N, C-alpha and C. Protein backbone atom coordinates (compact mmCIF):
# COMPACT_ATOMS: atom_id res chain seq x y z
N UNK A 1 -37.72 68.85 3.10
CA UNK A 1 -37.05 68.02 4.09
C UNK A 1 -35.85 67.30 3.49
N UNK A 2 -36.05 66.66 2.33
CA UNK A 2 -34.96 65.91 1.70
C UNK A 2 -33.81 66.84 1.34
N UNK A 3 -34.12 68.05 0.87
CA UNK A 3 -33.07 69.01 0.52
C UNK A 3 -32.22 69.34 1.73
N UNK A 4 -32.86 69.52 2.88
CA UNK A 4 -32.13 69.82 4.10
C UNK A 4 -31.19 68.70 4.49
N UNK A 5 -31.67 67.46 4.36
CA UNK A 5 -30.83 66.30 4.69
C UNK A 5 -29.65 66.22 3.74
N UNK A 6 -29.90 66.41 2.44
CA UNK A 6 -28.82 66.36 1.46
C UNK A 6 -27.79 67.45 1.71
N UNK A 7 -28.26 68.66 2.01
CA UNK A 7 -27.34 69.76 2.30
C UNK A 7 -26.47 69.42 3.51
N UNK A 8 -27.07 68.81 4.53
CA UNK A 8 -26.31 68.42 5.71
C UNK A 8 -25.25 67.38 5.36
N UNK A 9 -25.65 66.36 4.60
CA UNK A 9 -24.70 65.31 4.23
C UNK A 9 -23.55 65.85 3.39
N UNK A 10 -23.86 66.72 2.44
CA UNK A 10 -22.81 67.30 1.61
C UNK A 10 -21.87 68.15 2.46
N UNK A 11 -22.42 68.93 3.37
CA UNK A 11 -21.55 69.76 4.22
C UNK A 11 -20.66 68.90 5.10
N UNK A 12 -21.16 67.76 5.58
CA UNK A 12 -20.34 66.86 6.38
C UNK A 12 -19.23 66.24 5.54
N UNK A 13 -19.53 65.92 4.28
CA UNK A 13 -18.51 65.36 3.40
C UNK A 13 -17.41 66.39 3.14
N UNK A 14 -17.79 67.65 2.99
CA UNK A 14 -16.81 68.68 2.72
C UNK A 14 -15.91 68.92 3.92
N UNK A 15 -16.42 68.69 5.12
CA UNK A 15 -15.63 68.89 6.33
C UNK A 15 -14.76 67.69 6.67
N UNK A 16 -15.07 66.54 6.09
CA UNK A 16 -14.31 65.32 6.39
C UNK A 16 -12.89 65.44 5.86
N UNK A 17 -11.92 65.00 6.64
CA UNK A 17 -10.54 65.06 6.15
C UNK A 17 -10.33 64.13 4.95
N UNK A 18 -9.60 64.61 3.98
CA UNK A 18 -9.30 63.81 2.80
C UNK A 18 -7.91 63.23 2.97
N UNK A 19 -7.79 61.94 2.76
CA UNK A 19 -6.48 61.32 2.91
C UNK A 19 -6.04 60.72 1.58
N UNK A 20 -4.76 60.60 1.43
CA UNK A 20 -4.21 59.94 0.25
C UNK A 20 -4.56 58.46 0.34
N UNK A 21 -4.71 57.78 -0.80
CA UNK A 21 -5.09 56.36 -0.77
C UNK A 21 -4.19 55.51 0.12
N UNK A 22 -2.89 55.68 0.03
CA UNK A 22 -1.98 54.86 0.83
C UNK A 22 -2.19 55.11 2.32
N UNK A 23 -2.50 56.35 2.70
CA UNK A 23 -2.75 56.67 4.10
C UNK A 23 -4.07 56.05 4.55
N UNK A 24 -5.08 56.10 3.70
CA UNK A 24 -6.39 55.54 4.04
C UNK A 24 -6.36 54.05 4.28
N UNK A 25 -5.52 53.34 3.56
CA UNK A 25 -5.40 51.89 3.74
C UNK A 25 -4.99 51.57 5.17
N UNK A 26 -4.10 52.36 5.73
CA UNK A 26 -3.64 52.12 7.09
C UNK A 26 -4.69 52.37 8.15
N UNK A 27 -5.77 53.06 7.80
CA UNK A 27 -6.83 53.36 8.75
C UNK A 27 -7.91 52.28 8.81
N UNK A 28 -7.84 51.27 7.96
CA UNK A 28 -8.84 50.21 7.93
C UNK A 28 -8.47 49.14 8.95
N UNK A 29 -9.43 48.79 9.80
CA UNK A 29 -9.20 47.74 10.79
C UNK A 29 -9.60 46.39 10.20
N UNK A 30 -8.71 45.41 10.29
CA UNK A 30 -8.98 44.07 9.77
C UNK A 30 -8.69 43.04 10.85
N UNK A 31 -9.28 41.88 10.69
CA UNK A 31 -9.08 40.79 11.65
C UNK A 31 -7.64 40.30 11.60
N UNK A 32 -7.15 39.76 12.71
CA UNK A 32 -5.79 39.21 12.72
C UNK A 32 -5.60 38.19 11.60
N UNK A 33 -4.44 38.26 10.96
CA UNK A 33 -4.14 37.34 9.87
C UNK A 33 -4.51 37.88 8.50
N UNK A 34 -5.20 39.02 8.45
CA UNK A 34 -5.57 39.63 7.18
C UNK A 34 -4.83 40.95 7.02
N UNK A 35 -4.73 41.42 5.79
CA UNK A 35 -4.13 42.72 5.52
C UNK A 35 -4.85 43.38 4.36
N UNK A 36 -4.74 44.70 4.28
CA UNK A 36 -5.34 45.47 3.20
C UNK A 36 -4.22 46.06 2.37
N UNK A 37 -4.31 45.92 1.06
CA UNK A 37 -3.32 46.49 0.15
C UNK A 37 -4.04 47.32 -0.91
N UNK A 38 -3.47 48.47 -1.23
CA UNK A 38 -4.02 49.28 -2.32
C UNK A 38 -3.62 48.64 -3.65
N UNK A 39 -4.59 48.43 -4.51
CA UNK A 39 -4.29 47.85 -5.82
C UNK A 39 -4.62 48.80 -6.96
N UNK A 40 -5.43 49.82 -6.71
CA UNK A 40 -5.76 50.80 -7.76
C UNK A 40 -6.29 52.06 -7.10
N UNK A 41 -6.00 53.20 -7.72
CA UNK A 41 -6.53 54.49 -7.26
C UNK A 41 -6.55 55.42 -8.46
N UNK A 42 -7.09 56.62 -8.25
CA UNK A 42 -7.11 57.59 -9.35
C UNK A 42 -5.68 57.91 -9.75
N UNK A 43 -5.38 58.10 -10.97
CA UNK A 43 -6.28 58.20 -12.12
C UNK A 43 -6.56 56.87 -12.82
N UNK A 44 -6.05 55.74 -12.29
CA UNK A 44 -6.29 54.45 -12.95
C UNK A 44 -7.77 54.10 -12.96
N UNK A 45 -8.50 54.47 -11.90
CA UNK A 45 -9.94 54.27 -11.86
C UNK A 45 -10.61 55.57 -11.44
N UNK A 46 -11.83 55.79 -11.93
CA UNK A 46 -12.56 57.02 -11.63
C UNK A 46 -13.98 56.69 -11.20
N UNK A 47 -14.36 57.12 -10.02
CA UNK A 47 -15.71 56.89 -9.49
C UNK A 47 -16.11 55.42 -9.54
N UNK A 48 -15.31 54.53 -8.94
CA UNK A 48 -15.67 53.10 -8.96
C UNK A 48 -16.88 52.82 -8.08
N UNK A 49 -17.76 51.94 -8.54
CA UNK A 49 -18.94 51.55 -7.77
C UNK A 49 -18.97 50.06 -7.48
N UNK A 50 -18.17 49.27 -8.19
CA UNK A 50 -18.12 47.83 -7.97
C UNK A 50 -16.84 47.29 -8.61
N UNK A 51 -16.43 46.13 -8.15
CA UNK A 51 -15.26 45.48 -8.75
C UNK A 51 -15.35 43.98 -8.51
N UNK A 52 -14.57 43.23 -9.26
CA UNK A 52 -14.48 41.78 -9.07
C UNK A 52 -13.15 41.30 -9.64
N UNK A 53 -12.61 40.27 -9.05
CA UNK A 53 -11.38 39.65 -9.53
C UNK A 53 -11.74 38.50 -10.44
N UNK A 54 -11.10 38.44 -11.61
CA UNK A 54 -11.28 37.31 -12.51
C UNK A 54 -10.44 36.14 -12.06
N UNK A 55 -10.72 34.94 -12.56
CA UNK A 55 -9.94 33.76 -12.18
C UNK A 55 -8.47 33.86 -12.58
N UNK A 56 -8.18 34.78 -13.51
CA UNK A 56 -6.80 34.98 -13.97
C UNK A 56 -6.08 36.06 -13.17
N UNK A 57 -6.73 36.61 -12.12
CA UNK A 57 -6.12 37.62 -11.28
C UNK A 57 -6.31 39.04 -11.77
N UNK A 58 -6.99 39.23 -12.88
CA UNK A 58 -7.25 40.58 -13.39
C UNK A 58 -8.40 41.21 -12.61
N UNK A 59 -8.34 42.53 -12.46
CA UNK A 59 -9.34 43.27 -11.70
C UNK A 59 -10.28 43.98 -12.66
N UNK A 60 -11.57 43.68 -12.56
CA UNK A 60 -12.61 44.33 -13.36
C UNK A 60 -13.28 45.38 -12.48
N UNK A 61 -13.33 46.64 -12.95
CA UNK A 61 -13.88 47.74 -12.16
C UNK A 61 -15.00 48.42 -12.94
N UNK A 62 -16.13 48.64 -12.26
CA UNK A 62 -17.25 49.38 -12.85
C UNK A 62 -17.12 50.83 -12.43
N UNK A 63 -17.03 51.74 -13.40
CA UNK A 63 -16.93 53.17 -13.14
C UNK A 63 -18.24 53.85 -13.55
N UNK A 64 -18.68 54.81 -12.73
CA UNK A 64 -19.90 55.55 -13.05
C UNK A 64 -19.68 57.04 -12.82
N UNK A 65 -18.81 57.65 -13.60
CA UNK A 65 -18.53 59.08 -13.47
C UNK A 65 -19.75 59.91 -13.87
N UNK A 66 -20.69 59.30 -14.58
CA UNK A 66 -21.87 60.01 -15.05
C UNK A 66 -23.03 60.01 -14.06
N UNK A 67 -22.92 59.28 -12.96
CA UNK A 67 -24.05 59.14 -12.03
C UNK A 67 -24.19 60.38 -11.17
N UNK A 68 -25.37 60.90 -10.92
CA UNK A 68 -26.69 60.44 -11.33
C UNK A 68 -27.25 61.21 -12.53
N UNK A 69 -26.57 62.22 -13.00
CA UNK A 69 -27.15 63.10 -14.02
C UNK A 69 -26.81 62.72 -15.45
N UNK A 70 -25.95 61.77 -15.65
CA UNK A 70 -25.55 61.43 -17.02
C UNK A 70 -24.40 62.31 -17.45
N UNK A 71 -23.71 61.90 -18.46
CA UNK A 71 -22.52 62.62 -18.92
C UNK A 71 -22.86 64.00 -19.45
N UNK A 72 -24.09 64.17 -19.96
CA UNK A 72 -24.50 65.45 -20.51
C UNK A 72 -25.43 66.23 -19.59
N UNK A 73 -25.66 65.72 -18.37
CA UNK A 73 -26.56 66.39 -17.45
C UNK A 73 -28.03 66.10 -17.73
N UNK A 74 -28.30 65.28 -18.73
CA UNK A 74 -29.68 64.97 -19.11
C UNK A 74 -29.98 63.48 -19.01
N UNK A 75 -29.11 62.73 -18.37
CA UNK A 75 -29.35 61.31 -18.15
C UNK A 75 -28.69 60.37 -19.13
N UNK A 76 -27.92 60.90 -20.08
CA UNK A 76 -27.24 60.02 -21.04
C UNK A 76 -26.17 59.20 -20.32
N UNK A 77 -26.22 57.87 -20.42
CA UNK A 77 -25.27 57.03 -19.69
C UNK A 77 -23.86 57.10 -20.27
N UNK A 78 -22.90 56.93 -19.38
CA UNK A 78 -21.50 56.92 -19.81
C UNK A 78 -20.66 56.05 -18.88
N UNK A 79 -21.30 55.18 -18.11
CA UNK A 79 -20.55 54.28 -17.24
C UNK A 79 -19.70 53.34 -18.08
N UNK A 80 -18.68 52.76 -17.46
CA UNK A 80 -17.84 51.83 -18.21
C UNK A 80 -17.26 50.78 -17.28
N UNK A 81 -16.79 49.72 -17.88
CA UNK A 81 -16.10 48.66 -17.15
C UNK A 81 -14.64 48.70 -17.58
N UNK A 82 -13.76 48.75 -16.61
CA UNK A 82 -12.33 48.84 -16.89
C UNK A 82 -11.64 47.57 -16.40
N UNK A 83 -10.69 47.09 -17.17
CA UNK A 83 -9.91 45.90 -16.83
C UNK A 83 -8.51 46.34 -16.43
N UNK A 84 -8.10 45.97 -15.22
CA UNK A 84 -6.76 46.31 -14.74
C UNK A 84 -5.97 45.02 -14.53
N UNK A 85 -4.73 45.03 -14.97
CA UNK A 85 -3.87 43.87 -14.73
C UNK A 85 -2.46 44.32 -14.39
N UNK A 86 -1.78 43.53 -13.61
CA UNK A 86 -0.42 43.80 -13.17
C UNK A 86 0.54 43.17 -14.17
N UNK A 87 0.90 43.92 -15.20
CA UNK A 87 1.71 43.36 -16.28
C UNK A 87 3.17 43.12 -15.90
N UNK A 88 3.70 43.93 -14.97
CA UNK A 88 5.11 43.75 -14.61
C UNK A 88 5.29 42.99 -13.29
N UNK A 89 4.20 42.46 -12.75
CA UNK A 89 4.23 41.63 -11.54
C UNK A 89 4.84 42.34 -10.33
N UNK A 90 4.65 43.69 -10.24
CA UNK A 90 5.18 44.41 -9.09
C UNK A 90 4.11 44.63 -8.02
N UNK A 91 2.91 44.10 -8.25
CA UNK A 91 1.85 44.22 -7.27
C UNK A 91 1.03 45.48 -7.39
N UNK A 92 1.33 46.33 -8.37
CA UNK A 92 0.61 47.59 -8.55
C UNK A 92 0.01 47.62 -9.94
């Protein structure tokens, strides 16, 4: 049963249209007075699962490219935390 559900979900993901990050931002609905801006995308981050802003404005991102099988396919962990900062103050 679970295999059938997973196969269905994977097939639906493969059929879903893929959009560029900048295009995807425009598809997000937000309340009046708010806006969405892209601050990071591949290749700067890979398989992000969580993030947080530091008090200094730096972005901390948790990457888990190894999930769920591990980097070697046997469960060896290889997740990492990446620090992103806007050094030239251009907003990217």
